[in-house]
C-alpha cells in the first residue's frame, strides 16, 4: 500500500462513519421496512447501502431520474439469466441499493424516502 493511501485511510474517522451509516440505514428502514421484500437485520454490521427490494420495475429509474445515485450490481451476469432461480432473478431485477454512506444527511435520507414511498 502506498504512503499516500495509508495517510488517506489513517485520516478517516471510522467510528463516525460507522455511526452515520447505521443511522441512515435505520432512518430508511423505519419507513421502508413495510415495503421492503428483503428483511436483513444489520445487528453489528456496517452496511454499504440500504438493500431495498421492491417489485417495481420503475423504482431504479425513478430514483436515478430524481438525482439519487443507485449502483447496479451484477450487471454483467445477464447472460446467466436462464440458469438463475427466481430469487436470484428478483435480486438482479428489483434490488435497489440505496446509498447511505457518511456523506448523506438525514435531509438526503428524507428526500429518498419521499421518492420511495410515492
Protein backbone atom coordinates (compact mmCIF):
# COMPACT_ATOMS: atom_id res chain seq x y z
CA UNK A 1 0.00 0.00 0.00
CA UNK A 2 1.39 3.39 -0.91
CA UNK A 3 2.15 6.00 1.74
CA UNK A 4 -0.46 8.31 0.23
CA UNK A 5 -3.11 5.61 0.58
CA UNK A 6 -2.02 4.92 4.16
CA UNK A 7 -2.36 8.63 5.02
CA UNK A 8 -5.82 8.82 3.47
CA UNK A 9 -7.03 5.75 5.34
CA UNK A 10 -5.49 6.97 8.60
CA UNK A 11 -7.40 10.25 8.28
CA UNK A 12 -10.82 8.58 8.30
CA UNK A 13 -12.84 8.83 11.50
CA UNK A 14 -14.11 5.24 11.40
CA UNK A 15 -16.36 5.41 14.48
CA UNK A 16 -18.14 8.41 12.95
CA UNK A 17 -18.51 6.64 9.60
CA UNK A 18 -19.93 3.55 11.30
CA UNK A 19 -22.41 5.60 13.32
CA UNK A 20 -23.61 7.63 10.31
CA UNK A 21 -24.13 4.58 8.09
CA UNK A 22 -26.11 2.80 10.79
CA UNK A 23 -28.20 5.92 11.47
CA UNK A 24 -29.00 6.33 7.78
CA UNK A 25 -29.87 2.64 7.45
CA UNK A 26 -32.24 2.74 10.42
CA UNK A 27 -33.78 6.02 9.27
CA UNK A 28 -34.68 4.49 5.89
CA UNK A 29 -35.71 1.18 7.43
CA UNK A 30 -38.09 2.88 9.86
CA UNK A 31 -40.28 3.78 6.87
CA UNK A 32 -39.34 1.34 4.11
CA UNK A 33 -39.37 -1.90 6.14
CA UNK A 34 -43.07 -2.37 5.44
CA UNK A 35 -42.46 -2.06 1.68
CA UNK A 36 -39.16 -3.93 1.58
CA UNK A 37 -39.37 -7.57 0.50
CA UNK A 38 -35.88 -8.19 1.90
CA UNK A 39 -35.53 -8.39 5.68
CA UNK A 40 -31.91 -8.06 6.78
CA UNK A 41 -31.27 -7.09 10.39
CA UNK A 42 -27.87 -5.43 10.50
CA UNK A 43 -27.06 -6.06 14.19
CA UNK A 44 -23.31 -5.26 14.40
CA UNK A 45 -22.77 -4.84 10.66
CA UNK A 46 -21.82 -1.60 8.95
CA UNK A 47 -23.98 -1.53 5.83
CA UNK A 48 -22.75 -0.34 2.46
CA UNK A 49 -26.26 0.52 1.29
CA UNK A 50 -29.90 0.04 2.24
CA UNK A 51 -30.99 -3.04 0.26
CA UNK A 52 -34.48 -2.05 -0.89
CA UNK A 53 -36.13 -4.96 -2.67
CA UNK A 54 -39.38 -3.88 -4.24
CA UNK A 55 -41.17 -5.42 -7.20
CA UNK A 56 -41.37 -2.16 -9.07
CA UNK A 57 -39.51 -2.23 -12.36
CA UNK A 58 -39.51 1.56 -12.50
CA UNK A 59 -38.13 2.31 -9.00
CA UNK A 60 -34.45 2.34 -10.01
CA UNK A 61 -35.05 4.60 -13.00
CA UNK A 62 -37.35 6.85 -10.95
CA UNK A 63 -34.71 7.40 -8.26
CA UNK A 64 -31.99 7.99 -10.84
CA UNK A 65 -34.24 10.47 -12.66
CA UNK A 66 -34.54 12.35 -9.38
CA UNK A 67 -30.76 12.52 -8.95
CA UNK A 68 -30.33 9.65 -6.48
CA UNK A 69 -27.28 7.55 -7.31
CA UNK A 70 -28.24 3.88 -7.42
CA UNK A 71 -25.40 1.45 -8.18
CA UNK A 72 -26.10 -1.51 -10.43
CA UNK A 73 -24.68 -4.73 -9.01
CA UNK A 74 -24.28 -7.83 -11.12
CA UNK A 75 -24.97 -6.05 -14.42
CA UNK A 76 -22.58 -8.36 -16.23
CA UNK A 77 -24.40 -11.58 -15.31
CA UNK A 78 -27.47 -11.23 -17.51
CA UNK A 79 -26.10 -13.98 -19.73
CA UNK A 80 -26.81 -16.37 -16.83
CA UNK A 81 -30.46 -15.29 -16.56
CA UNK A 82 -31.91 -18.57 -17.88
CA UNK A 83 -29.89 -20.52 -15.29
CA UNK A 84 -30.95 -18.38 -12.30
CA UNK A 85 -33.62 -19.32 -9.82
CA UNK A 86 -36.50 -16.94 -9.02
CA UNK A 87 -34.76 -15.39 -6.00
CA UNK A 88 -31.62 -14.63 -8.00
CA UNK A 89 -33.66 -13.08 -10.80
CA UNK A 90 -35.60 -10.95 -8.33
CA UNK A 91 -32.41 -9.68 -6.74
CA UNK A 92 -30.92 -8.83 -10.11
CA UNK A 93 -34.07 -7.11 -11.38
CA UNK A 94 -35.56 -5.47 -8.30
CA UNK A 95 -32.85 -4.80 -5.72
CA UNK A 96 -32.36 -1.06 -5.30
CA UNK A 97 -29.23 -0.49 -3.17
CA UNK A 98 -29.83 2.96 -1.72
CA UNK A 99 -26.61 4.76 -0.73
CA UNK A 100 -26.38 5.52 2.99
CA UNK A 101 -22.76 6.44 3.49
CA UNK A 102 -21.45 9.17 5.73
CA UNK A 103 -21.74 11.89 3.06
CA UNK A 104 -25.54 11.76 3.29
CA UNK A 105 -27.53 13.68 5.89
CA UNK A 106 -30.97 12.98 7.28
CA UNK A 107 -32.30 15.53 4.78
CA UNK A 108 -30.92 13.37 1.97
CA UNK A 109 -32.49 10.28 3.50
CA UNK A 110 -35.85 12.09 3.91
CA UNK A 111 -35.74 13.08 0.23
CA UNK A 112 -35.09 9.47 -0.77
CA UNK A 113 -37.92 8.25 1.50
CA UNK A 114 -40.32 10.67 -0.14
CA UNK A 115 -39.37 9.27 -3.56
CA UNK A 116 -39.57 5.62 -2.49
CA UNK A 117 -42.93 5.96 -0.78
CA UNK A 118 -44.59 7.59 -3.82
